[in-house]
C-alpha atoms as a PDB file:
ATOM      1  CA  MET A   1     -47.566 -81.316  24.764  1.00  0.00           C
ATOM      2  CA  ASN A   2     -45.136 -79.533  22.379  1.00  0.00           C
ATOM      3  CA  ASN A   3     -41.706 -78.201  22.510  1.00  0.00           C
ATOM      4  CA  GLY A   4     -42.470 -75.566  25.073  1.00  0.00           C
ATOM      5  CA  ASN A   5     -42.952 -78.197  27.717  1.00  0.00           C
ATOM      6  CA  PHE A   6     -39.531 -79.367  27.457  1.00  0.00           C
ATOM      7  CA  GLU A   7     -36.050 -77.868  28.386  1.00  0.00           C
ATOM      8  CA  ASP A   8     -32.785 -78.300  26.685  1.00  0.00           C
ATOM      9  CA  LYS A   9     -30.863 -81.243  28.279  1.00  0.00           C
ATOM     10  CA  THR A  10     -27.458 -79.393  28.413  1.00  0.00           C
ATOM     11  CA  THR A  11     -29.175 -76.315  29.995  1.00  0.00           C
ATOM     12  CA  VAL A  12     -30.780 -78.383  32.765  1.00  0.00           C
ATOM     13  CA  GLN A  13     -27.555 -80.081  33.494  1.00  0.00           C
ATOM     14  CA  SER A  14     -25.551 -76.758  33.558  1.00  0.00           C
ATOM     15  CA  ASN A  15     -27.907 -75.124  35.770  1.00  0.00           C
ATOM     16  CA  ALA A  16     -28.122 -78.093  38.268  1.00  0.00           C
ATOM     17  CA  PHE A  17     -24.325 -78.721  38.304  1.00  0.00           C
ATOM     18  CA  PRO A  18     -22.656 -75.466  37.498  1.00  0.00           C
ATOM     19  CA  GLU A  19     -19.017 -75.840  36.764  1.00  0.00           C
ATOM     20  CA  THR A  20     -16.989 -73.479  38.831  1.00  0.00           C
ATOM     21  CA  PRO A  21     -13.590 -72.065  38.072  1.00  0.00           C
ATOM     22  CA  ALA A  22     -12.065 -74.477  40.746  1.00  0.00           C
ATOM     23  CA  ASP A  23     -13.860 -77.374  39.181  1.00  0.00           C
ATOM     24  CA  ALA A  24     -12.403 -76.552  35.697  1.00  0.00           C
ATOM     25  CA  ALA A  25      -8.881 -76.115  37.303  1.00  0.00           C
ATOM     26  CA  ILE A  26      -9.153 -79.559  38.959  1.00  0.00           C
ATOM     27  CA  LEU A  27     -10.460 -81.158  35.664  1.00  0.00           C
ATOM     28  CA  ALA A  28      -7.649 -79.569  33.528  1.00  0.00           C
ATOM     29  CA  GLU A  29      -5.124 -80.789  35.910  1.00  0.00           C
ATOM     30  CA  ASN A  30      -6.344 -84.168  37.024  1.00  0.00           C
ATOM     31  CA  LYS A  31      -5.091 -86.515  34.372  1.00  0.00           C
ATOM     32  CA  ASP A  32      -4.597 -89.650  36.397  1.00  0.00           C
ATOM     33  CA  GLY A  33      -8.102 -90.010  38.078  1.00  0.00           C
ATOM     34  CA  ALA A  34      -7.074 -88.746  41.606  1.00  0.00           C
ATOM     35  CA  ARG A  35      -9.660 -87.874  44.093  1.00  0.00           C
ATOM     36  CA  MET A  36     -10.809 -84.590  45.635  1.00  0.00           C
ATOM     37  CA  PHE A  37     -12.283 -83.308  48.863  1.00  0.00           C
ATOM     38  CA  ASP A  38     -14.863 -80.440  48.531  1.00  0.00           C
ATOM     39  CA  PHE A  39     -14.251 -77.991  51.437  1.00  0.00           C
ATOM     40  CA  THR A  40     -17.126 -75.807  50.141  1.00  0.00           C
ATOM     41  CA  THR A  41     -19.528 -78.170  51.273  1.00  0.00           C
ATOM     42  CA  ILE A  42     -17.974 -79.024  54.579  1.00  0.00           C
ATOM     43  CA  GLN A  43     -21.177 -78.387  56.747  1.00  0.00           C
ATOM     44  CA  SER A  44     -22.988 -81.226  54.582  1.00  0.00           C
ATOM     45  CA  ARG A  45     -19.862 -83.090  53.371  1.00  0.00           C
ATOM     46  CA  TRP A  46     -21.448 -86.507  53.882  1.00  0.00           C
ATOM     47  CA  ASN A  47     -24.893 -85.675  52.570  1.00  0.00           C
ATOM     48  CA  SER A  48     -23.895 -83.733  49.309  1.00  0.00           C
ATOM     49  CA  ALA A  49     -22.957 -85.634  46.241  1.00  0.00           C
ATOM     50  CA  SER A  50     -22.980 -82.500  43.746  1.00  0.00           C
ATOM     51  CA  SER A  51     -19.236 -82.427  43.448  1.00  0.00           C
ATOM     52  CA  ALA A  52     -19.294 -86.096  42.127  1.00  0.00           C
ATOM     53  CA  TYR A  53     -20.837 -84.808  38.897  1.00  0.00           C
ATOM     54  CA  PHE A  54     -17.318 -83.771  37.944  1.00  0.00           C
ATOM     55  CA  HIS A  55     -14.961 -85.576  40.120  1.00  0.00           C
ATOM     56  CA  ARG A  56     -13.993 -88.684  41.954  1.00  0.00           C
ATOM     57  CA  THR A  57     -14.630 -87.785  45.610  1.00  0.00           C
ATOM     58  CA  ILE A  58     -13.937 -89.109  49.119  1.00  0.00           C
ATOM     59  CA  ASP A  59     -17.059 -87.362  50.299  1.00  0.00           C
ATOM     60  CA  GLY A  60     -20.760 -87.056  49.313  1.00  0.00           C
ATOM     61  CA  TYR A  61     -23.777 -89.226  50.057  1.00  0.00           C
ATOM     62  CA  SER A  62     -25.017 -92.480  48.315  1.00  0.00           C
ATOM     63  CA  PRO A  63     -27.963 -94.477  49.629  1.00  0.00           C
ATOM     64  CA  ALA A  64     -25.851 -97.570  48.668  1.00  0.00           C
ATOM     65  CA  LYS A  65     -22.954 -96.676  50.938  1.00  0.00           C
ATOM     66  CA  LEU A  66     -20.880 -99.559  52.235  1.00  0.00           C
ATOM     67  CA  GLN A  67     -20.845 -99.753  56.050  1.00  0.00           C
ATOM     68  CA  ARG A  68     -17.074-100.300  55.610  1.00  0.00           C
ATOM     69  CA  TYR A  69     -16.720 -96.972  53.971  1.00  0.00           C
ATOM     70  CA  GLN A  70     -18.973 -95.391  56.629  1.00  0.00           C
ATOM     71  CA  ASP A  71     -16.641 -96.617  59.251  1.00  0.00           C
ATOM     72  CA  ILE A  72     -13.701 -94.986  57.277  1.00  0.00           C
ATOM     73  CA  ILE A  73     -15.554 -91.761  57.377  1.00  0.00           C
ATOM     74  CA  SER A  74     -16.274 -91.953  61.177  1.00  0.00           C
ATOM     75  CA  TYR A  75     -12.876 -93.116  62.231  1.00  0.00           C
ATOM     76  CA  GLY A  76     -10.570 -92.110  59.409  1.00  0.00           C
ATOM     77  CA  LEU A  77     -11.668 -89.187  57.117  1.00  0.00           C
ATOM     78  CA  GLU A  78     -13.179 -87.243  60.111  1.00  0.00           C
ATOM     79  CA  TYR A  79      -9.964 -87.841  62.125  1.00  0.00           C
ATOM     80  CA  ASP A  80      -7.826 -86.561  59.284  1.00  0.00           C
ATOM     81  CA  LEU A  81     -10.218 -83.548  58.622  1.00  0.00           C
ATOM     82  CA  MET A  82      -9.823 -82.600  62.407  1.00  0.00           C
ATOM     83  CA  ASN A  83      -5.991 -82.521  62.072  1.00  0.00           C
ATOM     84  CA  PHE A  84      -6.223 -80.737  58.850  1.00  0.00           C
ATOM     85  CA  VAL A  85      -8.491 -77.846  60.290  1.00  0.00           C
ATOM     86  CA  ALA A  86      -6.501 -77.579  63.508  1.00  0.00           C
ATOM     87  CA  LYS A  87      -2.923 -77.983  62.085  1.00  0.00           C
ATOM     88  CA  GLY A  88      -3.231 -77.809  58.249  1.00  0.00           C
ATOM     89  CA  GLN A  89      -1.484 -81.211  58.468  1.00  0.00           C
ATOM     90  CA  LEU A  90      -1.726 -83.318  55.343  1.00  0.00           C
ATOM     91  CA  GLU A  91       1.491 -85.433  55.532  1.00  0.00           C
ATOM     92  CA  LYS A  92      -0.188 -87.715  58.398  1.00  0.00           C
ATOM     93  CA  ALA A  93      -3.695 -87.466  56.719  1.00  0.00           C
ATOM     94  CA  ASN A  94      -3.223 -91.210  56.242  1.00  0.00           C
ATOM     95  CA  PHE A  95      -6.866 -92.038  55.229  1.00  0.00           C
ATOM     96  CA  TRP A  96      -6.898 -89.052  52.715  1.00  0.00           C
ATOM     97  CA  ASN A  97      -3.591 -89.967  51.232  1.00  0.00           C
ATOM     98  CA  MET A  98      -4.291 -93.632  50.775  1.00  0.00           C
ATOM     99  CA  LEU A  99      -7.518 -92.700  49.020  1.00  0.00           C
ATOM    100  CA  ASN A 100      -5.521 -90.653  46.636  1.00  0.00           C
ATOM    101  CA  THR A 101      -7.096 -87.279  47.631  1.00  0.00           C
ATOM    102  CA  LYS A 102      -4.941 -85.159  45.624  1.00  0.00           C
ATOM    103  CA  TYR A 103      -7.123 -82.050  45.357  1.00  0.00           C
ATOM    104  CA  ILE A 104      -8.696 -79.902  48.145  1.00  0.00           C
ATOM    105  CA  LYS A 105     -11.319 -77.550  46.843  1.00  0.00           C
ATOM    106  CA  GLN A 106     -11.539 -74.682  49.390  1.00  0.00           C
ATOM    107  CA  SER A 107     -13.374 -72.251  47.321  1.00  0.00           C
ATOM    108  CA  GLU A 108     -14.978 -71.623  43.949  1.00  0.00           C
ATOM    109  CA  GLU A 109     -12.214 -69.651  42.483  1.00  0.00           C
ATOM    110  CA  ALA A 110      -9.596 -71.254  40.293  1.00  0.00           C
ATOM    111  CA  ASN A 111      -6.947 -70.379  43.005  1.00  0.00           C
ATOM    112  CA  GLY A 112      -8.958 -71.974  45.547  1.00  0.00           C
ATOM    113  CA  VAL A 113      -7.655 -75.466  44.952  1.00  0.00           C
ATOM    114  CA  ASN A 114      -4.768 -77.014  47.142  1.00  0.00           C
ATOM    115  CA  LEU A 115      -2.752 -79.673  45.794  1.00  0.00           C
ATOM    116  CA  ASN A 116      -1.914 -82.492  48.311  1.00  0.00           C
ATOM    117  CA  PRO A 117       1.614 -83.638  47.649  1.00  0.00           C
ATOM    118  CA  PHE A 118       1.180 -86.603  49.956  1.00  0.00           C
ATOM    119  CA  ALA A 119      -1.587 -88.283  47.902  1.00  0.00           C
ATOM    120  CA  LEU A 120      -0.211 -91.808  47.287  1.00  0.00           C
ATOM    121  CA  GLY A 121      -1.604 -92.360  43.795  1.00  0.00           C
ATOM    122  CA  ASN A 122      -3.538 -95.076  42.099  1.00  0.00           C
ATOM    123  CA  ALA A 123      -1.341 -97.846  43.310  1.00  0.00           C
ATOM    124  CA  TRP A 124       2.120 -98.170  45.170  1.00  0.00           C
ATOM    125  CA  PHE A 125       4.590-100.680  46.668  1.00  0.00           C
ATOM    126  CA  VAL A 126       4.849-101.142  50.350  1.00  0.00           C
ATOM    127  CA  ASN A 127       7.974-102.280  52.177  1.00  0.00           C
ATOM    128  CA  ASN A 128       6.201-104.162  55.078  1.00  0.00           C
ATOM    129  CA  THR A 129       3.063-105.380  56.341  1.00  0.00           C
ATOM    130  CA  GLN A 130       1.557-105.444  59.873  1.00  0.00           C
ATOM    131  CA  ILE A 131      -1.190-107.855  61.230  1.00  0.00           C
ATOM    132  CA  ALA A 132      -4.296-106.648  62.995  1.00  0.00           C
ATOM    133  CA  ASN A 133      -6.176-109.147  65.278  1.00  0.00           C
ATOM    134  CA  THR A 134      -9.539-107.191  64.956  1.00  0.00           C
ATOM    135  CA  ASN A 135     -11.567-104.941  62.642  1.00  0.00           C
ATOM    136  CA  GLU A 136     -11.115-102.075  65.231  1.00  0.00           C
ATOM    137  CA  GLU A 137      -7.417-102.603  65.619  1.00  0.00           C
ATOM    138  CA  GLU A 138      -6.990-102.765  61.747  1.00  0.00           C
ATOM    139  CA  ILE A 139      -8.826 -99.192  61.391  1.00  0.00           C
ATOM    140  CA  LEU A 140      -6.944 -97.615  64.269  1.00  0.00           C
ATOM    141  CA  LYS A 141      -3.530 -98.870  63.118  1.00  0.00           C
ATOM    142  CA  VAL A 142      -3.962 -97.113  59.957  1.00  0.00           C
ATOM    143  CA  ARG A 143      -3.798 -93.788  61.874  1.00  0.00           C
ATOM    144  CA  ASP A 144      -0.328 -94.478  63.173  1.00  0.00           C
ATOM    145  CA  ILE A 145       1.549 -95.951  60.199  1.00  0.00           C
ATOM    146  CA  ASN A 146       3.217 -94.507  57.058  1.00  0.00           C
ATOM    147  CA  PRO A 147       0.762 -95.997  54.410  1.00  0.00           C
ATOM    148  CA  LYS A 148       3.304 -95.299  51.652  1.00  0.00           C
ATOM    149  CA  GLN A 149       5.557 -97.998  53.413  1.00  0.00           C
ATOM    150  CA  THR A 150       3.304-100.142  55.530  1.00  0.00           C
ATOM    151  CA  ALA A 151       0.080-101.957  54.908  1.00  0.00           C
ATOM    152  CA  ILE A 152      -2.261-103.297  57.642  1.00  0.00           C
ATOM    153  CA  VAL A 153      -3.674-106.773  56.997  1.00  0.00           C
ATOM    154  CA  ASN A 154      -6.246-108.533  59.084  1.00  0.00           C
ATOM    155  CA  LYS A 155      -5.395-111.601  60.549  1.00  0.00           C
ATOM    156  CA  GLU A 156      -8.031-113.545  58.585  1.00  0.00           C
ATOM    157  CA  PHE A 157      -5.603-112.962  55.528  1.00  0.00           C
ATOM    158  CA  ALA A 158      -2.421-113.916  57.367  1.00  0.00           C
ATOM    159  CA  SER A 159      -1.822-116.942  55.277  1.00  0.00           C
ATOM    160  CA  TYR A 160      -1.842-114.902  52.143  1.00  0.00           C
ATOM    161  CA  LEU A 161       1.361-113.427  53.329  1.00  0.00           C
ATOM    162  CA  LYS A 162       3.287-116.535  54.074  1.00  0.00           C
ATOM    163  CA  ASP A 163       5.151-116.897  50.730  1.00  0.00           C
ATOM    164  CA  ILE A 164       5.818-113.230  49.977  1.00  0.00           C
ATOM    165  CA  THR A 165       8.515-110.880  51.536  1.00  0.00           C
ATOM    166  CA  PRO A 166       7.769-107.183  50.510  1.00  0.00           C
ATOM    167  CA  ASN A 167      10.623-105.630  48.499  1.00  0.00           C
ATOM    168  CA  THR A 168      12.287-103.077  51.076  1.00  0.00           C
ATOM    169  CA  ASP A 169      13.725-100.930  48.185  1.00  0.00           C
ATOM    170  CA  SER A 170      12.951 -97.271  49.113  1.00  0.00           C
ATOM    171  CA  ALA A 171      12.636 -96.175  45.694  1.00  0.00           C
ATOM    172  CA  GLN A 172       8.982 -96.086  44.956  1.00  0.00           C
ATOM    173  CA  GLN A 173       8.915 -95.482  41.188  1.00  0.00           C
ATOM    174  CA  SER A 174      11.821 -95.882  38.725  1.00  0.00           C
ATOM    175  CA  ALA A 175      12.184 -97.036  35.174  1.00  0.00           C
ATOM    176  CA  THR A 176      12.835-100.726  36.417  1.00  0.00           C
ATOM    177  CA  ARG A 177      10.242-100.521  39.112  1.00  0.00           C
ATOM    178  CA  PHE A 178       6.649 -99.068  38.786  1.00  0.00           C
ATOM    179  CA  ILE A 179       2.972 -99.803  38.965  1.00  0.00           C
ATOM    180  CA  THR A 180       0.849 -97.481  36.830  1.00  0.00           C
ATOM    181  CA  LYS A 181      -3.007 -97.415  36.004  1.00  0.00           C
ATOM    182  CA  ILE A 182      -4.199 -97.528  32.552  1.00  0.00           C
ATOM    183  CA  ASP A 183      -7.399 -95.650  31.776  1.00  0.00           C
ATOM    184  CA  THR A 184      -9.949 -98.165  30.487  1.00  0.00           C
ATOM    185  CA  LYS A 185     -12.824 -95.688  30.665  1.00  0.00           C
ATOM    186  CA  ASN A 186     -14.833 -98.443  32.136  1.00  0.00           C
ATOM    187  CA  PRO A 187     -15.521 -98.304  35.910  1.00  0.00           C
ATOM    188  CA  MET A 188     -16.119-102.085  35.907  1.00  0.00           C
ATOM    189  CA  LYS A 189     -12.660-102.835  34.815  1.00  0.00           C
ATOM    190  CA  LEU A 190      -9.249-101.612  36.285  1.00  0.00           C
ATOM    191  CA  ASP A 191      -5.858-102.298  34.398  1.00  0.00           C
ATOM    192  CA  TYR A 192      -2.355-101.695  35.776  1.00  0.00           C
ATOM    193  CA  ASN A 193       1.165-102.171  34.217  1.00  0.00           C
ATOM    194  CA  PHE A 194       3.553-103.558  36.736  1.00  0.00           C
ATOM    195  CA  LYS A 195       7.353-103.924  36.429  1.00  0.00           C
ATOM    196  CA  SER A 196       9.973-104.942  39.187  1.00  0.00           C
ATOM    197  CA  ASP A 197      12.942-107.307  39.287  1.00  0.00           C
ATOM    198  CA  LYS A 198      11.776-108.369  42.879  1.00  0.00           C
ATOM    199  CA  ASP A 199       8.579-109.811  44.327  1.00  0.00           C
ATOM    200  CA  GLU A 200       6.293-106.966  45.594  1.00  0.00           C
ATOM    201  CA  PHE A 201       3.371-106.480  47.706  1.00  0.00           C
ATOM    202  CA  VAL A 202       1.035-103.738  45.985  1.00  0.00           C
ATOM    203  CA  VAL A 203      -1.607-101.684  47.544  1.00  0.00           C
ATOM    204  CA  PHE A 204      -4.389-100.176  45.222  1.00  0.00           C
ATOM    205  CA  SER A 205      -6.359 -97.175  46.074  1.00  0.00           C
ATOM    206  CA  GLU A 206      -9.636 -98.836  45.188  1.00  0.00           C
ATOM    207  CA  VAL A 207     -12.474 -99.718  47.800  1.00  0.00           C
ATOM    208  CA  ILE A 208     -12.486-103.524  48.284  1.00  0.00           C
ATOM    209  CA  TYR A 209     -15.843-105.227  47.674  1.00  0.00           C
ATOM    210  CA  ARG A 210     -16.505-109.058  47.737  1.00  0.00           C
ATOM    211  CA  PRO A 211     -12.834-109.764  46.599  1.00  0.00           C
ATOM    212  CA  ASN A 212     -12.392-112.690  44.466  1.00  0.00           C
ATOM    213  CA  GLN A 213     -16.152-113.322  44.254  1.00  0.00           C
ATOM    214  CA  ASP A 214     -17.709-110.329  42.430  1.00  0.00           C
ATOM    215  CA  TRP A 215     -14.504-108.277  41.918  1.00  0.00           C
ATOM    216  CA  LEU A 216     -12.046-110.786  40.089  1.00  0.00           C
ATOM    217  CA  SER A 217      -8.507-110.156  39.789  1.00  0.00           C
ATOM    218  CA  PHE A 218      -6.017-111.386  37.173  1.00  0.00           C
ATOM    219  CA  VAL A 219      -2.282-111.145  36.382  1.00  0.00           C
ATOM    220  CA  ASP A 220      -1.478-111.432  32.780  1.00  0.00           C
ATOM    221  CA  GLY A 221      -4.928-112.981  32.322  1.00  0.00           C
ATOM    222  CA  LYS A 222      -4.421-115.654  34.928  1.00  0.00           C
ATOM    223  CA  PRO A 223      -6.935-115.589  38.088  1.00  0.00           C
ATOM    224  CA  THR A 224      -5.252-114.226  41.103  1.00  0.00           C
ATOM    225  CA  ASP A 225      -6.312-113.508  44.483  1.00  0.00           C
ATOM    226  CA  HIS A 226      -6.347-110.144  46.283  1.00  0.00           C
ATOM    227  CA  ILE A 227      -6.943-109.212  49.831  1.00  0.00           C
ATOM    228  CA  ARG A 228      -8.012-106.381  51.997  1.00  0.00           C
ATOM    229  CA  VAL A 229      -5.655-104.115  53.406  1.00  0.00           C
ATOM    230  CA  ASN A 230      -5.879-100.831  55.593  1.00  0.00           C
ATOM    231  CA  TYR A 231      -9.541-101.733  56.269  1.00  0.00           C
ATOM    232  CA  ILE A 232     -10.787-100.548  53.039  1.00  0.00           C
ATOM    233  CA  LEU A 233      -8.363-100.924  50.135  1.00  0.00           C
ATOM    234  CA  ARG A 234      -7.036-103.892  47.999  1.00  0.00           C
ATOM    235  CA  GLY A 235      -3.696-105.467  48.295  1.00  0.00           C
ATOM    236  CA  MET A 236      -1.973-108.193  46.265  1.00  0.00           C
ATOM    237  CA  LYS A 237       1.351-109.840  45.998  1.00  0.00           C
ATOM    238  CA  VAL A 238       3.033-109.810  42.635  1.00  0.00           C
ATOM    239  CA  LYS A 239       5.902-111.810  41.307  1.00  0.00           C
ATOM    240  CA  ALA A 240       9.009-110.202  39.798  1.00  0.00           C
ATOM    241  CA  GLY A 241       8.812-109.322  36.145  1.00  0.00           C
ATOM    242  CA  GLU A 242       6.638-107.437  33.726  1.00  0.00           C
ATOM    243  CA  HIS A 243       2.766-107.949  34.118  1.00  0.00           C
ATOM    244  CA  LYS A 244      -0.658-106.603  33.332  1.00  0.00           C
ATOM    245  CA  ILE A 245      -2.956-106.608  36.598  1.00  0.00           C
ATOM    246  CA  THR A 246      -6.561-106.432  36.032  1.00  0.00           C
ATOM    247  CA  PHE A 247      -9.604-106.174  38.224  1.00  0.00           C
ATOM    248  CA  GLU A 248     -12.922-106.836  36.784  1.00  0.00           C
ATOM    249  CA  PHE A 249     -16.434-106.686  38.294  1.00  0.00           C
ATOM    250  CA  LYS A 250     -18.373-109.817  37.483  1.00  0.00           C
ATOM    251  CA  PRO A 251     -20.924-110.329  40.152  1.00  0.00           C
ATOM    252  CA  LYS A 252     -22.167-113.956  40.341  1.00  0.00           C
ATOM    253  CA  MET A 253     -25.678-112.930  41.080  1.00  0.00           C
ATOM    254  CA  TYR A 254     -25.933-110.821  37.992  1.00  0.00           C
ATOM    255  CA  ALA A 255     -24.756-113.744  35.874  1.00  0.00           C
ATOM    256  CA  LEU A 256     -27.140-116.080  37.642  1.00  0.00           C
ATOM    257  CA  THR A 257     -30.130-113.786  37.264  1.00  0.00           C
ATOM    258  CA  ASN A 258     -29.159-113.344  33.407  1.00  0.00           C
ATOM    259  CA  ASN A 259     -29.213-117.197  33.069  1.00  0.00           C
ATOM    260  CA  VAL A 260     -32.586-117.440  34.725  1.00  0.00           C
ATOM    261  CA  LEU A 261     -33.900-114.630  32.722  1.00  0.00           C
ATOM    262  CA  LEU A 262     -32.632-116.363  29.432  1.00  0.00           C
ATOM    263  CA  ALA A 263     -34.024-119.814  30.526  1.00  0.00           C
ATOM    264  CA  GLY A 264     -37.404-118.104  31.293  1.00  0.00           C
ATOM    265  CA  ASN A 265     -37.454-116.295  27.939  1.00  0.00           C
ATOM    266  CA  LEU A 266     -36.752-119.490  26.108  1.00  0.00           C
ATOM    267  CA  LEU A 267     -39.267-121.428  27.735  1.00  0.00           C
ATOM    268  CA  PHE A 268     -41.867-118.660  27.168  1.00  0.00           C
ATOM    269  CA  TYR A 269     -41.146-118.617  23.421  1.00  0.00           C
ATOM    270  CA  ILE A 270     -41.313-122.389  23.467  1.00  0.00           C
ATOM    271  CA  PHE A 271     -44.605-122.287  25.180  1.00  0.00           C
ATOM    272  CA  ILE A 272     -45.872-119.682  22.547  1.00  0.00           C
ATOM    273  CA  GLY A 273     -44.513-121.673  19.750  1.00  0.00           C
ATOM    274  CA  GLY A 274     -46.380-124.756  20.997  1.00  0.00           C
ATOM    275  CA  LEU A 275     -49.629-122.779  21.206  1.00  0.00           C
ATOM    276  CA  LEU A 276     -49.190-121.609  17.746  1.00  0.00           C
ATOM    277  CA  PHE A 277     -48.387-124.978  16.487  1.00  0.00           C
ATOM    278  CA  LEU A 278     -51.449-126.513  18.181  1.00  0.00           C
ATOM    279  CA  PHE A 279     -53.726-123.628  16.802  1.00  0.00           C
ATOM    280  CA  PHE A 280     -52.586-123.892  13.374  1.00  0.00           C
ATOM    281  CA  LYS A 281     -52.698-127.903  13.596  1.00  0.00           C
ATOM    282  CA  ASN A 282     -56.570-127.765  14.735  1.00  0.00           C
ATOM    283  CA  LYS A 283     -57.169-124.987  11.952  1.00  0.00           C
ATOM    284  CA  LYS A 284     -55.971-127.297   9.420  1.00  0.00           C
ATOM    285  CA  SER A 285     -57.945-130.279  10.817  1.00  0.00           C
ATOM    286  CA  GLU A 286     -60.862-128.108  10.726  1.00  0.00           C
ATOM    287  CA  ASN A 287     -60.420-127.118   6.991  1.00  0.00           C
ATOM    288  CA  VAL A 288     -59.855-130.763   6.193  1.00  0.00           C
ATOM    289  CA  GLU A 289     -63.214-131.667   7.729  1.00  0.00           C
ATOM    290  CA  HIS A 290     -65.053-128.878   6.069  1.00  0.00           C
ATOM    291  CA  THR A 291     -63.692-130.055   2.658  1.00  0.00           C
ATOM    292  CA  ALA A 292     -64.580-133.500   3.164  1.00  0.00           C
END
């Protein structure tokens, strides 16, 4: 084999995932990590992942898709899509908006991108919470609320809400009241700056997965629990003041596997060392016998 048997990596990538003018326009605009929906693949929207090469998306396919996210597709994202196609309506596209779907790519041209002014951002404060008694009720309630103001909480997390009253201030963002995401460049770690002179309940536009087990959350470095809200997102009560909020992916099974692997390697090297010790010890004994 020689150089003629290989292709340049960048050439292969550019041909496999060509960047369209619409992609370039989104990338130039999207500084806060908002998500997009690719209308150009609408016929295969849940089976094509090509747009994920450039963007954070709400559509696409993954063999490791969570069942809970599949439920959101079936009962939420498709519901919003039907309303959008029929009415061009985005204000009440609650699932799109709470997943921070800011860009809708409707054609390949640079002017083929529509901005969604109702996308809720990476995190926001809510004024109140509602309890849902079942998973089905939880996901269906999201259709009817204003997610900018209300969070739906399953009854299994009701005790979490006992000592918190959401701030009813209508001003979502100001110099004295905000929650902003810090770009860590690390998908395994999410950081936010928080400031408010009152206790708050915050909703984060991030899919929940094994909360407080694999995804751990911290406020100013101290472990702090978070819960599921709106069937798929993360919610957290935060005391008044200025804080740094962190989510970090530290799966226990991964740590356990690493420890087992380390112990196995250690035993292996001890075994090999023991064999070498016995080999050279026997060699030395043989040499002494021959000399004698």
